[in-house]
N, C-alpha and C. Protein backbone atom coordinates (compact mmCIF):
# COMPACT_ATOMS: atom_id res chain seq x y z
N MET A 1 95.92 82.70 93.99
CA MET A 1 96.95 83.37 94.35
C MET A 1 97.19 84.55 94.10
N HIS A 2 97.03 84.81 92.86
CA HIS A 2 96.97 86.25 92.02
C HIS A 2 95.86 87.17 92.53
N ARG A 3 94.94 86.42 92.41
CA ARG A 3 93.73 87.45 92.98
C ARG A 3 93.84 87.69 94.53
N ALA A 4 94.54 87.01 95.45
CA ALA A 4 94.96 87.53 96.94
C ALA A 4 96.12 88.67 96.47
N ARG A 5 96.82 88.62 96.12
CA ARG A 5 97.83 89.69 95.79
C ARG A 5 97.27 90.95 95.49
N ARG A 6 96.35 90.79 94.52
CA ARG A 6 95.89 92.01 93.93
C ARG A 6 94.59 92.57 94.99
N ALA A 7 94.01 91.85 95.79
CA ALA A 7 93.31 92.31 96.65
C ALA A 7 94.30 93.00 97.93
N ALA A 8 95.19 92.40 98.48
CA ALA A 8 96.07 93.09 99.13
C ALA A 8 96.85 94.55 98.74
N ALA A 9 97.16 94.32 97.37
CA ALA A 9 97.75 95.73 96.82
C ALA A 9 96.51 96.76 96.94
N VAL A 10 95.25 96.62 96.53
CA VAL A 10 94.41 97.23 96.68
C VAL A 10 94.02 98.18 98.18
N GLY A 11 94.06 97.01 98.92
CA GLY A 11 94.01 97.35 100.34
C GLY A 11 94.87 98.25 100.73
N VAL A 12 96.12 98.07 100.38
CA VAL A 12 97.45 98.88 100.59
C VAL A 12 97.16 100.41 100.23
N LEU A 13 96.74 100.20 98.93
CA LEU A 13 96.67 101.47 98.18
C LEU A 13 95.57 102.35 98.70
N GLY A 14 94.34 101.88 99.06
CA GLY A 14 93.49 102.33 99.47
C GLY A 14 93.80 103.02 100.84
N LEU A 15 94.30 102.42 101.78
CA LEU A 15 95.15 103.07 103.26
C LEU A 15 95.84 103.91 103.13
N ALA A 16 96.62 103.81 101.83
CA ALA A 16 97.52 104.90 101.63
C ALA A 16 96.97 106.29 101.32
N ALA A 17 95.72 106.00 100.40
CA ALA A 17 95.14 107.34 99.77
C ALA A 17 94.33 107.63 101.00
N VAL A 18 93.95 107.15 102.21
CA VAL A 18 93.06 107.70 103.13
C VAL A 18 93.92 108.31 103.91
N GLY A 19 95.28 108.03 104.23
CA GLY A 19 96.34 108.37 105.02
C GLY A 19 96.86 109.85 104.31
N LEU A 20 96.98 109.88 102.89
CA LEU A 20 97.36 110.96 102.06
C LEU A 20 96.23 112.09 102.70
N ALA A 21 94.88 111.89 102.28
CA ALA A 21 93.73 112.68 102.53
C ALA A 21 93.84 113.20 104.05
N ALA A 22 94.09 112.28 104.89
CA ALA A 22 94.19 112.96 106.40
C ALA A 22 95.36 113.62 106.55
N CYS A 23 96.47 113.62 105.68
CA CYS A 23 97.57 114.42 105.92
C CYS A 23 97.49 115.64 105.14
N THR A 24 96.66 115.98 104.16
CA THR A 24 96.76 117.07 103.62
C THR A 24 95.53 117.85 103.86
N SER A 25 94.73 117.60 104.87
CA SER A 25 93.65 118.55 105.35
C SER A 25 93.93 119.09 106.52
N GLY A 26 93.77 120.49 106.87
CA GLY A 26 94.28 121.32 107.84
C GLY A 26 93.10 121.00 109.06
N PRO A 27 93.40 122.01 109.93
CA PRO A 27 92.40 122.50 110.96
C PRO A 27 91.17 122.91 110.48
N PRO A 28 90.02 122.69 111.20
CA PRO A 28 88.92 123.22 111.27
C PRO A 28 89.02 124.94 111.43
N THR A 29 88.16 125.64 110.46
CA THR A 29 88.14 127.33 110.54
C THR A 29 87.78 127.41 111.89
N PRO A 30 89.10 128.40 112.64
CA PRO A 30 88.64 128.94 113.77
C PRO A 30 87.55 129.93 113.83
N THR A 31 86.65 130.06 115.03
CA THR A 31 85.68 131.07 115.27
C THR A 31 86.27 132.21 115.56
N ASP A 32 87.04 132.55 115.96
CA ASP A 32 87.95 133.81 116.19
C ASP A 32 88.21 134.71 115.01
N PRO A 33 87.63 135.55 114.38
CA PRO A 33 88.05 136.12 113.12
C PRO A 33 89.59 136.45 112.86
N VAL A 34 90.15 137.07 113.70
CA VAL A 34 91.50 137.01 113.73
C VAL A 34 92.05 135.63 113.29
N LEU A 35 92.19 134.76 113.92
CA LEU A 35 92.59 133.48 113.60
C LEU A 35 91.87 132.98 112.18
N ALA A 36 90.60 132.90 111.90
CA ALA A 36 90.23 132.60 110.70
C ALA A 36 90.96 133.38 109.46
N LYS A 37 91.27 134.52 109.61
CA LYS A 37 91.84 135.44 108.75
C LYS A 37 93.28 134.93 108.80
N GLY A 38 94.07 134.58 109.74
CA GLY A 38 95.24 133.90 109.46
C GLY A 38 95.40 132.63 108.98
N GLN A 39 94.32 131.85 109.24
CA GLN A 39 94.07 130.62 108.35
C GLN A 39 94.15 130.72 107.02
N GLN A 40 93.38 131.77 106.59
CA GLN A 40 93.07 131.94 105.23
C GLN A 40 94.73 132.55 104.44
N ILE A 41 95.28 133.12 105.23
CA ILE A 41 96.52 133.94 104.68
C ILE A 41 97.67 132.38 105.01
N TYR A 42 97.61 131.83 106.04
CA TYR A 42 98.53 130.57 105.98
C TYR A 42 98.10 129.63 104.75
N ASN A 43 96.95 129.41 104.66
CA ASN A 43 96.46 128.28 103.34
C ASN A 43 96.93 128.81 102.12
N ASN A 44 96.84 130.21 101.95
CA ASN A 44 97.22 130.93 100.43
C ASN A 44 98.78 131.14 100.51
N ARG A 45 99.29 131.36 101.58
CA ARG A 45 100.72 131.47 101.41
C ARG A 45 101.84 130.81 102.30
N CYS A 46 101.58 130.03 103.12
CA CYS A 46 102.28 129.18 103.88
C CYS A 46 102.23 127.98 103.75
N GLN A 47 101.14 127.07 103.77
CA GLN A 47 100.99 125.64 103.57
C GLN A 47 101.67 125.03 102.81
N ALA A 48 102.38 125.48 101.36
CA ALA A 48 102.91 124.82 100.44
C ALA A 48 104.33 124.20 101.08
N CYS A 49 104.91 125.21 101.93
CA CYS A 49 106.29 124.85 102.36
C CYS A 49 106.13 124.19 103.90
N HIS A 50 105.04 124.77 104.65
CA HIS A 50 104.92 124.44 106.30
C HIS A 50 104.02 123.14 106.12
N GLY A 51 103.21 122.91 105.56
CA GLY A 51 102.31 121.84 105.38
C GLY A 51 100.93 122.23 105.89
N PRO A 52 99.82 121.74 105.38
CA PRO A 52 98.45 122.22 105.83
C PRO A 52 98.16 122.35 107.00
N SER A 53 98.76 121.40 107.91
CA SER A 53 98.74 121.50 109.49
C SER A 53 99.89 121.90 110.27
N GLY A 54 100.89 122.42 109.67
CA GLY A 54 101.85 122.84 109.99
C GLY A 54 103.03 121.79 110.49
N GLU A 55 103.12 120.74 109.73
CA GLU A 55 103.76 119.73 109.93
C GLU A 55 105.08 119.93 109.65
N GLY A 56 105.40 120.63 108.61
CA GLY A 56 106.74 120.76 108.10
C GLY A 56 106.51 119.91 106.90
N LEU A 57 106.98 120.84 105.84
CA LEU A 57 107.13 119.73 104.39
C LEU A 57 108.73 120.30 104.02
N THR A 58 108.67 121.28 103.14
CA THR A 58 110.24 121.96 103.00
C THR A 58 110.58 122.90 103.76
N ALA A 59 109.75 123.28 104.65
CA ALA A 59 110.12 124.21 105.64
C ALA A 59 110.05 123.55 107.26
N PRO A 60 110.28 124.42 108.19
CA PRO A 60 110.18 123.66 109.60
C PRO A 60 108.81 123.67 109.75
N ALA A 61 108.42 122.99 110.84
CA ALA A 61 107.15 122.70 111.37
C ALA A 61 107.04 123.69 112.49
N PHE A 62 105.58 123.97 112.87
CA PHE A 62 105.07 125.00 114.00
C PHE A 62 104.87 124.39 115.27
N TYR A 63 104.86 123.06 115.13
CA TYR A 63 104.69 122.50 116.67
C TYR A 63 105.62 123.14 117.66
N GLY A 64 105.07 123.91 118.81
CA GLY A 64 106.00 124.21 119.74
C GLY A 64 106.67 125.62 119.57
N ILE A 65 106.17 126.26 118.42
CA ILE A 65 106.75 127.40 118.02
C ILE A 65 107.00 128.47 119.04
N ALA A 66 105.58 128.66 119.99
CA ALA A 66 105.54 129.24 121.09
C ALA A 66 106.72 129.48 122.07
N GLU A 67 106.96 128.28 122.12
CA GLU A 67 108.41 127.83 123.11
C GLU A 67 109.78 128.26 122.41
N ARG A 68 109.69 128.36 121.09
CA ARG A 68 111.13 128.60 120.53
C ARG A 68 111.36 130.06 120.03
N MET A 69 110.05 130.77 120.18
CA MET A 69 110.38 132.16 119.50
C MET A 69 109.28 133.09 120.49
N THR A 70 109.51 134.38 120.65
CA THR A 70 108.61 135.22 120.77
C THR A 70 107.63 135.57 119.80
N LEU A 71 106.54 136.48 120.30
CA LEU A 71 105.33 136.79 119.16
C LEU A 71 106.05 137.63 118.25
N GLU A 72 106.87 138.82 118.92
CA GLU A 72 107.43 139.49 118.06
C GLU A 72 108.59 138.99 117.20
N GLN A 73 109.29 138.04 117.45
CA GLN A 73 110.21 137.36 116.59
C GLN A 73 109.53 136.67 115.88
N HIS A 74 108.64 136.04 116.02
CA HIS A 74 107.83 135.66 114.91
C HIS A 74 107.42 136.32 113.87
N GLU A 75 106.49 137.21 114.25
CA GLU A 75 106.24 138.44 113.25
C GLU A 75 107.38 138.92 112.38
N ALA A 76 108.48 139.03 113.03
CA ALA A 76 109.94 139.79 112.13
C ALA A 76 110.08 138.73 111.13
N VAL A 77 110.33 137.33 111.26
CA VAL A 77 110.39 136.19 110.42
C VAL A 77 109.44 136.64 109.20
N ILE A 78 108.16 136.39 109.57
CA ILE A 78 107.17 136.60 108.65
C ILE A 78 107.69 138.02 107.52
N ALA A 79 107.62 139.13 108.41
CA ALA A 79 107.86 140.06 107.79
C ALA A 79 109.05 140.49 106.93
N GLN A 80 110.21 139.87 107.48
CA GLN A 80 111.51 140.37 107.06
C GLN A 80 111.99 138.93 106.19
N GLY A 81 111.43 137.56 106.43
CA GLY A 81 111.89 136.30 105.91
C GLY A 81 113.26 136.10 106.68
N ARG A 82 114.03 134.96 106.03
CA ARG A 82 115.07 134.43 106.87
C ARG A 82 116.06 134.66 105.79
N ASP A 83 117.40 135.05 105.97
CA ASP A 83 118.42 135.04 104.82
C ASP A 83 119.19 133.52 104.88
N GLY A 84 119.44 133.24 103.86
CA GLY A 84 119.88 131.77 103.79
C GLY A 84 118.96 130.79 103.47
N THR A 85 117.74 131.04 103.45
CA THR A 85 116.70 129.97 103.48
C THR A 85 115.57 130.36 102.37
N ARG A 86 114.72 129.54 102.10
CA ARG A 86 113.59 129.86 101.22
C ARG A 86 112.41 130.61 101.63
N MET A 87 112.70 130.99 103.04
CA MET A 87 111.44 131.79 103.63
C MET A 87 111.58 133.36 103.12
N PRO A 88 110.58 133.76 102.19
CA PRO A 88 110.55 135.26 102.03
C PRO A 88 109.97 136.03 102.73
N ALA A 89 110.29 137.38 102.71
CA ALA A 89 109.74 138.51 103.34
C ALA A 89 108.28 138.83 102.76
N PHE A 90 107.58 139.17 103.77
CA PHE A 90 105.99 139.31 103.01
C PHE A 90 105.68 140.80 103.54
N ALA A 91 106.44 141.45 104.20
CA ALA A 91 106.13 143.09 104.42
C ALA A 91 105.74 143.88 103.40
N ASP A 92 106.35 143.37 102.27
CA ASP A 92 105.59 144.08 101.01
C ASP A 92 104.32 143.78 100.71
N SER A 93 103.86 142.66 101.15
CA SER A 93 102.61 142.15 100.33
C SER A 93 101.36 141.72 101.43
N LEU A 94 101.74 141.99 102.58
CA LEU A 94 100.90 141.61 103.91
C LEU A 94 100.89 142.65 104.69
N SER A 95 100.14 143.26 104.98
CA SER A 95 99.66 144.25 106.26
C SER A 95 99.93 143.94 107.62
N GLN A 96 100.33 144.94 108.17
CA GLN A 96 100.94 144.57 109.81
C GLN A 96 99.75 143.49 110.51
N ASP A 97 98.07 143.64 110.39
CA ASP A 97 97.34 143.01 110.84
C ASP A 97 97.25 141.73 110.01
N ASP A 98 97.80 141.65 109.04
CA ASP A 98 98.01 140.20 108.19
C ASP A 98 99.00 139.32 108.89
N ILE A 99 100.14 140.17 109.10
CA ILE A 99 101.03 139.35 109.74
C ILE A 99 100.93 138.77 111.15
N GLU A 100 100.09 139.49 112.06
CA GLU A 100 99.64 139.38 113.29
C GLU A 100 98.58 138.51 113.20
N ALA A 101 97.98 138.37 112.13
CA ALA A 101 96.95 137.18 112.28
C ALA A 101 97.53 135.74 111.86
N VAL A 102 98.29 135.92 110.82
CA VAL A 102 98.86 134.44 110.60
C VAL A 102 99.86 134.54 111.70
N ALA A 103 100.57 135.11 112.35
CA ALA A 103 101.26 134.47 113.58
C ALA A 103 100.45 134.02 114.65
N ARG A 104 99.57 134.60 114.83
CA ARG A 104 98.65 134.14 116.13
C ARG A 104 98.10 132.59 115.66
N TYR A 105 97.65 132.68 114.18
CA TYR A 105 97.16 131.33 113.90
C TYR A 105 98.26 130.32 113.79
N GLU A 106 99.47 130.48 113.28
CA GLU A 106 100.49 129.47 113.45
C GLU A 106 100.61 129.14 115.04
N ARG A 107 100.85 130.15 115.97
CA ARG A 107 101.20 129.79 117.28
C ARG A 107 99.96 129.18 118.21
N GLU A 108 98.86 129.68 117.88
CA GLU A 108 97.44 129.16 118.78
C GLU A 108 96.80 127.86 118.19
N VAL A 109 96.83 127.99 116.77
CA VAL A 109 96.20 126.80 116.25
C VAL A 109 96.95 125.85 116.01
N ILE A 110 97.93 125.82 114.81
CA ILE A 110 98.66 124.66 114.35
C ILE A 110 99.88 124.46 114.99
N GLY A 111 100.31 125.32 116.06
CA GLY A 111 101.46 125.50 116.70
C GLY A 111 101.40 124.29 117.72
N VAL A 112 100.06 124.32 118.38
CA VAL A 112 99.98 123.38 119.56
C VAL A 112 98.95 122.04 118.87
N ARG A 113 98.88 121.88 117.76
CA ARG A 113 98.03 120.34 117.47
C ARG A 113 99.25 119.57 117.58
N ASN A 114 98.39 118.13 118.05
CA ASN A 114 99.27 117.04 118.03
C ASN A 114 99.10 115.90 116.90
């Protein structure tokens, strides 16, 4: 009996580890150089709060972001942050090209993933 419970526990833990690994891996690197740059910025600056695949951890998910705000609004949030939230402003640390790249990545890659 003890051996059966132990085997079941090991099986559950193994499945949990597989699920965690799947949950922490993001999308493959895009072939479009602008989207690849956006992914790199996202991985370094955004995924800690928004999640590796944009699923939302301590910050909102990106699924359907293009339906919720325009590209210009999205870029403004990245540049200026959001008052009253943990979303910082990146205008002083990212170029406009970087902001455009990460916004496109969030909208075109992780915002449309199911």
